Structures are given as structure tokens and as C-alpha cells.
Amino acid sequence: MTKDEQGFLVGNKVVRSALLALCLGSCASGPPDPPRVQDDVCAIFAERPDWYDAALSSSLRWGAPVDIVMAIIWRESSFRAQARPPKRYALGFIPRGRPSSAYGYAQAIDGTWAWYRKETGRSGADRDDFEDAVDFVGWYMAKTRVSNGVGMADAFTQYINYHEGHRGYRRMDWRGKRWLTDIAVEVADRAALYRAQLPGCRL
């Protein structure tokens, strides 16, 4: 083999390696896109069958209705895996960071997620993993029932606790937050919609 032929083969090998690296980088699968239709829980589960399995597993484990768990995640993140609160700016352009550490499908903050991981033994749970997030919401709802005596079917009050925390709920500050109670009504309405749809889903 001549030096020119050897150089040609080496050059081709380098090109192939570069193309492979480029493909692996660009083709790597990231978090799934949010469901296209979000006001139909049957359409959501048809598009993401594994989500139904995860939601049902959470419901069986914690006693949290699938419709309420899904409604909370819908309101918190619109089913976006890497959702975060919007950044804040001083004077309209100086970055001031985000208002909280909330992240993922369930918008769980760092401290509460660490509590969940420790108490459930799910040390590898990730907030941008739907199965973990839906289990977290069910777990938190069960905590709300024990801490504040809120029924698992009470979507409105469960959401207030979810947003304000258990101690925050007991302080009753939320009663003066009309914007929050309006959101809790939205969650309850969305849960009722999903609950009515679920029996007709082909799962």
C-alpha cells in the first residue's frame, strides 16, 4: 500500500469518526416534548402510554387520584420535563436569578425533593423524569392528608397545600391570595375534566 493510499484510509477513518460523533450528539434523545393535546387525558395517555402506567402506579401506592395528580402536573409545568420559574430582572435587564429552585414536571423545590428521596428511598429520582415526578405528587398529597387532614379527592385544597406547603396552608395566608385560589379552582376544574374522561380511555 502506498503512502497516498494509507493517507486516504486514515483520512476516511477520521471523517467517519467525526460524522459518528456529530450524529451521536445531535441524535441523542432528550426529554420528550409535552403532549400536543393537554385538555384530553385520554389523548395524553395514548401519546405517552408509559405515563398512564406511572400515574396508575402512583395512585395505587399513595391513594392519589390519577385525575388530580395529572391536573397538578398540568398546572405546574404544562407537562414540560425541564420547566423552571421564569428568571427575574432588576430594571428590566439585570439578571436576579429565579424566584425558587422549582424544577421539572412537578416543579418540586430542592428541599422538598430531597425529603421525598430520603423518605421513599428513591435516591436516584429525578425531577425531569415523569415516573418520579408523578410519584412525588402522589406522595406529597398523602403527606397533606396526614398533616392537614385534606381528603385525597379534594383537588382545590390539595393544590393549595401543594403550592403553599403544609405549614403555609395552616397559616391561612392563602385566603388573601385571590390569584392562588383562582389557580386552585383551575386545577379542580381540570381534575374534574380528566376524571370524566378517564372511563372512556382505551388504555
C-alpha atoms as a PDB file:
ATOM      1  CA  MET A   1       0.000   0.000   0.000  1.00  0.00           C
ATOM      2  CA  THR A   2       1.386   3.373  -0.990  1.00  0.00           C
ATOM      3  CA  LYS A   3       1.658   6.323   1.379  1.00  0.00           C
ATOM      4  CA  ASP A   4      -1.106   8.064  -0.582  1.00  0.00           C
ATOM      5  CA  GLU A   5      -3.435   5.077  -0.096  1.00  0.00           C
ATOM      6  CA  GLN A   6      -2.611   4.913   3.604  1.00  0.00           C
ATOM      7  CA  GLY A   7      -3.317   8.627   3.947  1.00  0.00           C
ATOM      8  CA  PHE A   8      -6.639   8.220   2.150  1.00  0.00           C
ATOM      9  CA  LEU A   9      -7.760   5.425   4.503  1.00  0.00           C
ATOM     10  CA  VAL A  10      -6.703   7.337   7.602  1.00  0.00           C
ATOM     11  CA  GLY A  11      -8.472  10.433   6.323  1.00  0.00           C
ATOM     12  CA  ASN A  12     -11.673   8.459   5.700  1.00  0.00           C
ATOM     13  CA  LYS A  13     -11.477   6.977   9.192  1.00  0.00           C
ATOM     14  CA  VAL A  14     -11.186  10.442  10.736  1.00  0.00           C
ATOM     15  CA  VAL A  15     -14.143  11.687   8.696  1.00  0.00           C
ATOM     16  CA  ARG A  16     -16.276   8.684   9.696  1.00  0.00           C
ATOM     17  CA  SER A  17     -15.390   9.190  13.369  1.00  0.00           C
ATOM     18  CA  ALA A  18     -16.297  12.871  13.176  1.00  0.00           C
ATOM     19  CA  LEU A  19     -19.616  12.100  11.492  1.00  0.00           C
ATOM     20  CA  LEU A  20     -20.420   9.456  14.100  1.00  0.00           C
ATOM     21  CA  ALA A  21     -19.664  11.874  16.950  1.00  0.00           C
ATOM     22  CA  LEU A  22     -21.825  14.539  15.302  1.00  0.00           C
ATOM     23  CA  CYS A  23     -24.713  12.112  14.880  1.00  0.00           C
ATOM     24  CA  LEU A  24     -24.474  10.894  18.453  1.00  0.00           C
ATOM     25  CA  GLY A  25     -24.527  14.472  19.710  1.00  0.00           C
ATOM     26  CA  SER A  26     -27.406  15.629  17.546  1.00  0.00           C
ATOM     27  CA  CYS A  27     -29.417  12.418  17.652  1.00  0.00           C
ATOM     28  CA  ALA A  28     -29.225  11.895  21.417  1.00  0.00           C
ATOM     29  CA  SER A  29     -32.711  11.671  22.834  1.00  0.00           C
ATOM     30  CA  GLY A  30     -33.597  14.442  25.255  1.00  0.00           C
ATOM     31  CA  PRO A  31     -36.748  14.850  27.351  1.00  0.00           C
ATOM     32  CA  PRO A  32     -39.953  14.153  25.419  1.00  0.00           C
ATOM     33  CA  ASP A  33     -41.911  17.083  24.072  1.00  0.00           C
ATOM     34  CA  PRO A  34     -45.073  17.998  26.020  1.00  0.00           C
ATOM     35  CA  PRO A  35     -48.223  16.217  24.814  1.00  0.00           C
ATOM     36  CA  ARG A  36     -49.781  18.006  21.847  1.00  0.00           C
ATOM     37  CA  VAL A  37     -53.286  17.919  23.358  1.00  0.00           C
ATOM     38  CA  GLN A  38     -53.439  18.658  27.084  1.00  0.00           C
ATOM     39  CA  ASP A  39     -57.154  19.076  27.709  1.00  0.00           C
ATOM     40  CA  ASP A  40     -57.856  15.403  26.956  1.00  0.00           C
ATOM     41  CA  VAL A  41     -56.252  12.931  29.355  1.00  0.00           C
ATOM     42  CA  CYS A  42     -57.060  10.049  27.003  1.00  0.00           C
ATOM     43  CA  ALA A  43     -55.054  11.749  24.255  1.00  0.00           C
ATOM     44  CA  ILE A  44     -52.194  12.336  26.697  1.00  0.00           C
ATOM     45  CA  PHE A  45     -52.044   8.691  27.708  1.00  0.00           C
ATOM     46  CA  ALA A  46     -52.465   7.500  24.114  1.00  0.00           C
ATOM     47  CA  GLU A  47     -49.433   9.581  23.171  1.00  0.00           C
ATOM     48  CA  ARG A  48     -47.491   8.560  26.298  1.00  0.00           C
ATOM     49  CA  PRO A  49     -48.673   5.068  27.400  1.00  0.00           C
ATOM     50  CA  ASP A  50     -45.859   4.840  29.955  1.00  0.00           C
ATOM     51  CA  TRP A  51     -47.255   7.933  31.650  1.00  0.00           C
ATOM     52  CA  TYR A  52     -50.503   6.111  32.361  1.00  0.00           C
ATOM     53  CA  ASP A  53     -48.588   3.224  33.914  1.00  0.00           C
ATOM     54  CA  ALA A  54     -46.636   5.687  36.080  1.00  0.00           C
ATOM     55  CA  ALA A  55     -49.746   7.629  37.136  1.00  0.00           C
ATOM     56  CA  LEU A  56     -51.605   4.422  37.989  1.00  0.00           C
ATOM     57  CA  SER A  57     -48.639   3.149  39.987  1.00  0.00           C
ATOM     58  CA  SER A  58     -48.552   6.394  41.982  1.00  0.00           C
ATOM     59  CA  SER A  59     -52.292   6.179  42.590  1.00  0.00           C
ATOM     60  CA  LEU A  60     -52.078   2.609  43.858  1.00  0.00           C
ATOM     61  CA  ARG A  61     -49.106   3.423  46.074  1.00  0.00           C
ATOM     62  CA  TRP A  62     -50.344   6.651  47.646  1.00  0.00           C
ATOM     63  CA  GLY A  63     -54.105   6.685  47.084  1.00  0.00           C
ATOM     64  CA  ALA A  64     -53.917   9.846  44.974  1.00  0.00           C
ATOM     65  CA  PRO A  65     -56.495  10.021  42.163  1.00  0.00           C
ATOM     66  CA  VAL A  66     -54.914   9.952  38.716  1.00  0.00           C
ATOM     67  CA  ASP A  67     -57.018  12.909  37.598  1.00  0.00           C
ATOM     68  CA  ILE A  68     -55.778  15.189  40.398  1.00  0.00           C
ATOM     69  CA  VAL A  69     -52.138  14.180  40.044  1.00  0.00           C
ATOM     70  CA  MET A  70     -52.296  14.873  36.303  1.00  0.00           C
ATOM     71  CA  ALA A  71     -54.103  18.181  36.851  1.00  0.00           C
ATOM     72  CA  ILE A  72     -51.425  19.358  39.287  1.00  0.00           C
ATOM     73  CA  ILE A  73     -48.626  18.487  36.871  1.00  0.00           C
ATOM     74  CA  TRP A  74     -50.537  20.186  34.037  1.00  0.00           C
ATOM     75  CA  ARG A  75     -50.772  23.397  36.059  1.00  0.00           C
ATOM     76  CA  GLU A  76     -47.230  23.293  37.379  1.00  0.00           C
ATOM     77  CA  SER A  77     -45.322  22.617  34.165  1.00  0.00           C
ATOM     78  CA  SER A  78     -47.705  22.042  31.239  1.00  0.00           C
ATOM     79  CA  PHE A  79     -46.040  18.608  31.156  1.00  0.00           C
ATOM     80  CA  ARG A  80     -42.592  20.087  30.366  1.00  0.00           C
ATOM     81  CA  ALA A  81     -39.758  17.969  31.752  1.00  0.00           C
ATOM     82  CA  GLN A  82     -37.315  20.824  32.347  1.00  0.00           C
ATOM     83  CA  ALA A  83     -39.716  23.580  33.367  1.00  0.00           C
ATOM     84  CA  ARG A  84     -38.380  26.272  35.708  1.00  0.00           C
ATOM     85  CA  PRO A  85     -39.824  29.520  37.080  1.00  0.00           C
ATOM     86  CA  PRO A  86     -39.010  32.461  34.794  1.00  0.00           C
ATOM     87  CA  LYS A  87     -35.896  34.477  35.556  1.00  0.00           C
ATOM     88  CA  ARG A  88     -36.287  37.822  37.335  1.00  0.00           C
ATOM     89  CA  TYR A  89     -34.630  41.028  36.216  1.00  0.00           C
ATOM     90  CA  ALA A  90     -33.875  44.304  38.004  1.00  0.00           C
ATOM     91  CA  LEU A  91     -34.568  47.432  35.962  1.00  0.00           C
ATOM     92  CA  GLY A  92     -35.778  45.152  33.226  1.00  0.00           C
ATOM     93  CA  PHE A  93     -32.364  43.834  32.189  1.00  0.00           C
ATOM     94  CA  ILE A  94     -30.134  42.967  35.197  1.00  0.00           C
ATOM     95  CA  PRO A  95     -30.472  39.218  35.942  1.00  0.00           C
ATOM     96  CA  ARG A  96     -31.573  38.434  39.505  1.00  0.00           C
ATOM     97  CA  GLY A  97     -31.947  34.677  39.207  1.00  0.00           C
ATOM     98  CA  ARG A  98     -35.115  32.663  39.626  1.00  0.00           C
ATOM     99  CA  PRO A  99     -37.639  33.056  42.452  1.00  0.00           C
ATOM    100  CA  SER A 100     -37.210  29.454  43.602  1.00  0.00           C
ATOM    101  CA  SER A 101     -35.404  26.185  42.913  1.00  0.00           C
ATOM    102  CA  ALA A 102     -38.571  24.619  41.469  1.00  0.00           C
ATOM    103  CA  TYR A 103     -37.794  22.316  38.563  1.00  0.00           C
ATOM    104  CA  GLY A 104     -39.261  19.596  36.410  1.00  0.00           C
ATOM    105  CA  TYR A 105     -42.711  18.216  35.742  1.00  0.00           C
ATOM    106  CA  ALA A 106     -43.897  18.704  39.331  1.00  0.00           C
ATOM    107  CA  GLN A 107     -41.990  21.963  39.970  1.00  0.00           C
ATOM    108  CA  ALA A 108     -40.642  20.498  43.193  1.00  0.00           C
ATOM    109  CA  ILE A 109     -38.120  22.645  45.066  1.00  0.00           C
ATOM    110  CA  ASP A 110     -34.750  21.299  46.162  1.00  0.00           C
ATOM    111  CA  GLY A 111     -35.585  20.790  49.836  1.00  0.00           C
ATOM    112  CA  THR A 112     -38.897  19.010  49.304  1.00  0.00           C
ATOM    113  CA  TRP A 113     -37.409  16.795  46.594  1.00  0.00           C
ATOM    114  CA  ALA A 114     -34.574  15.814  48.957  1.00  0.00           C
ATOM    115  CA  TRP A 115     -37.192  14.989  51.632  1.00  0.00           C
ATOM    116  CA  TYR A 116     -39.068  12.814  49.135  1.00  0.00           C
ATOM    117  CA  ARG A 117     -35.914  10.986  48.064  1.00  0.00           C
ATOM    118  CA  LYS A 118     -34.859  10.290  51.645  1.00  0.00           C
ATOM    119  CA  GLU A 119     -38.246   9.175  52.917  1.00  0.00           C
ATOM    120  CA  THR A 120     -39.122   6.932  49.964  1.00  0.00           C
ATOM    121  CA  GLY A 121     -35.639   5.552  49.403  1.00  0.00           C
ATOM    122  CA  ARG A 122     -35.730   6.713  45.780  1.00  0.00           C
ATOM    123  CA  SER A 123     -32.271   8.274  45.937  1.00  0.00           C
ATOM    124  CA  GLY A 124     -31.913   8.300  42.164  1.00  0.00           C
ATOM    125  CA  ALA A 125     -35.247  10.007  41.480  1.00  0.00           C
ATOM    126  CA  ASP A 126     -35.067  12.909  39.014  1.00  0.00           C
ATOM    127  CA  ARG A 127     -37.471  15.813  38.703  1.00  0.00           C
ATOM    128  CA  ASP A 128     -37.358  15.682  34.893  1.00  0.00           C
ATOM    129  CA  ASP A 129     -38.398  12.010  34.886  1.00  0.00           C
ATOM    130  CA  PHE A 130     -42.188  11.717  34.644  1.00  0.00           C
ATOM    131  CA  GLU A 131     -42.384   8.477  36.598  1.00  0.00           C
ATOM    132  CA  ASP A 132     -40.525  10.052  39.515  1.00  0.00           C
ATOM    133  CA  ALA A 133     -42.463  13.312  39.301  1.00  0.00           C
ATOM    134  CA  VAL A 134     -45.880  11.671  39.304  1.00  0.00           C
ATOM    135  CA  ASP A 135     -44.854   9.514  42.270  1.00  0.00           C
ATOM    136  CA  PHE A 136     -43.688  12.654  44.071  1.00  0.00           C
ATOM    137  CA  VAL A 137     -47.069  14.360  43.616  1.00  0.00           C
ATOM    138  CA  GLY A 138     -48.889  11.301  44.967  1.00  0.00           C
ATOM    139  CA  TRP A 139     -46.501  11.164  47.922  1.00  0.00           C
ATOM    140  CA  TYR A 140     -46.991  14.848  48.695  1.00  0.00           C
ATOM    141  CA  MET A 141     -50.766  14.509  48.522  1.00  0.00           C
ATOM    142  CA  ALA A 142     -50.568  11.641  51.011  1.00  0.00           C
ATOM    143  CA  LYS A 143     -48.449  13.865  53.281  1.00  0.00           C
ATOM    144  CA  THR A 144     -51.099  16.581  53.002  1.00  0.00           C
ATOM    145  CA  ARG A 145     -53.790  14.149  54.086  1.00  0.00           C
ATOM    146  CA  VAL A 146     -51.784  13.187  57.184  1.00  0.00           C
ATOM    147  CA  SER A 147     -50.516  16.689  58.034  1.00  0.00           C
ATOM    148  CA  ASN A 148     -53.657  18.720  57.414  1.00  0.00           C
ATOM    149  CA  GLY A 149     -56.474  16.210  57.111  1.00  0.00           C
ATOM    150  CA  VAL A 150     -57.210  17.030  53.475  1.00  0.00           C
ATOM    151  CA  GLY A 151     -59.079  14.354  51.554  1.00  0.00           C
ATOM    152  CA  MET A 152     -57.331  12.879  48.537  1.00  0.00           C
ATOM    153  CA  ALA A 153     -60.300  13.786  46.324  1.00  0.00           C
ATOM    154  CA  ASP A 154     -60.246  17.470  47.352  1.00  0.00           C
ATOM    155  CA  ALA A 155     -58.328  18.878  44.379  1.00  0.00           C
ATOM    156  CA  PHE A 156     -58.760  22.523  45.422  1.00  0.00           C
ATOM    157  CA  THR A 157     -57.333  22.163  48.932  1.00  0.00           C
ATOM    158  CA  GLN A 158     -54.708  19.651  47.881  1.00  0.00           C
ATOM    159  CA  TYR A 159     -53.371  22.192  45.398  1.00  0.00           C
ATOM    160  CA  ILE A 160     -53.314  24.982  47.966  1.00  0.00           C
ATOM    161  CA  ASN A 161     -51.190  22.735  50.195  1.00  0.00           C
ATOM    162  CA  TYR A 162     -49.007  21.772  47.261  1.00  0.00           C
ATOM    163  CA  HIS A 163     -48.295  25.393  46.448  1.00  0.00           C
ATOM    164  CA  GLU A 164     -48.045  26.866  49.950  1.00  0.00           C
ATOM    165  CA  GLY A 165     -46.629  23.913  51.868  1.00  0.00           C
ATOM    166  CA  HIS A 166     -48.265  22.305  54.867  1.00  0.00           C
ATOM    167  CA  ARG A 167     -47.285  24.997  57.359  1.00  0.00           C
ATOM    168  CA  GLY A 168     -48.136  27.713  54.862  1.00  0.00           C
ATOM    169  CA  TYR A 169     -51.608  26.250  54.464  1.00  0.00           C
ATOM    170  CA  ARG A 170     -52.137  26.224  58.227  1.00  0.00           C
ATOM    171  CA  ARG A 171     -51.166  29.906  58.459  1.00  0.00           C
ATOM    172  CA  MET A 172     -54.158  30.648  56.221  1.00  0.00           C
ATOM    173  CA  ASP A 173     -52.298  33.383  54.311  1.00  0.00           C
ATOM    174  CA  TRP A 174     -53.554  31.843  51.093  1.00  0.00           C
ATOM    175  CA  ARG A 175     -57.060  33.121  51.819  1.00  0.00           C
ATOM    176  CA  GLY A 176     -55.866  36.598  50.907  1.00  0.00           C
ATOM    177  CA  LYS A 177     -54.288  35.438  47.649  1.00  0.00           C
ATOM    178  CA  ARG A 178     -57.069  35.616  45.113  1.00  0.00           C
ATOM    179  CA  TRP A 179     -54.702  34.685  42.300  1.00  0.00           C
ATOM    180  CA  LEU A 180     -53.828  31.442  44.102  1.00  0.00           C
ATOM    181  CA  THR A 181     -57.384  30.440  44.860  1.00  0.00           C
ATOM    182  CA  ASP A 182     -58.246  31.117  41.201  1.00  0.00           C
ATOM    183  CA  ILE A 183     -55.452  28.742  40.160  1.00  0.00           C
ATOM    184  CA  ALA A 184     -56.668  26.127  42.631  1.00  0.00           C
ATOM    185  CA  VAL A 185     -60.113  26.370  41.019  1.00  0.00           C
ATOM    186  CA  GLU A 186     -58.456  25.812  37.623  1.00  0.00           C
ATOM    187  CA  VAL A 187     -56.751  22.697  38.971  1.00  0.00           C
ATOM    188  CA  ALA A 188     -60.008  21.391  40.412  1.00  0.00           C
ATOM    189  CA  ASP A 189     -61.808  22.048  37.122  1.00  0.00           C
ATOM    190  CA  ARG A 190     -59.062  20.325  35.128  1.00  0.00           C
ATOM    191  CA  ALA A 191     -59.148  17.350  37.503  1.00  0.00           C
ATOM    192  CA  ALA A 192     -62.938  17.093  37.053  1.00  0.00           C
ATOM    193  CA  LEU A 193     -62.453  17.159  33.270  1.00  0.00           C
ATOM    194  CA  TYR A 194     -59.830  14.414  33.390  1.00  0.00           C
ATOM    195  CA  ARG A 195     -61.954  12.377  35.811  1.00  0.00           C
ATOM    196  CA  ALA A 196     -64.906  12.481  33.414  1.00  0.00           C
ATOM    197  CA  GLN A 197     -62.690  11.447  30.504  1.00  0.00           C
ATOM    198  CA  LEU A 198     -60.793   8.594  32.145  1.00  0.00           C
ATOM    199  CA  PRO A 199     -63.531   5.913  31.963  1.00  0.00           C
ATOM    200  CA  GLY A 200     -63.654   6.332  28.188  1.00  0.00           C
ATOM    201  CA  CYS A 201     -59.907   5.999  27.624  1.00  0.00           C
ATOM    202  CA  ARG A 202     -58.731   2.962  25.689  1.00  0.00           C
ATOM    203  CA  LEU A 203     -55.747   2.029  27.827  1.00  0.00           C
END
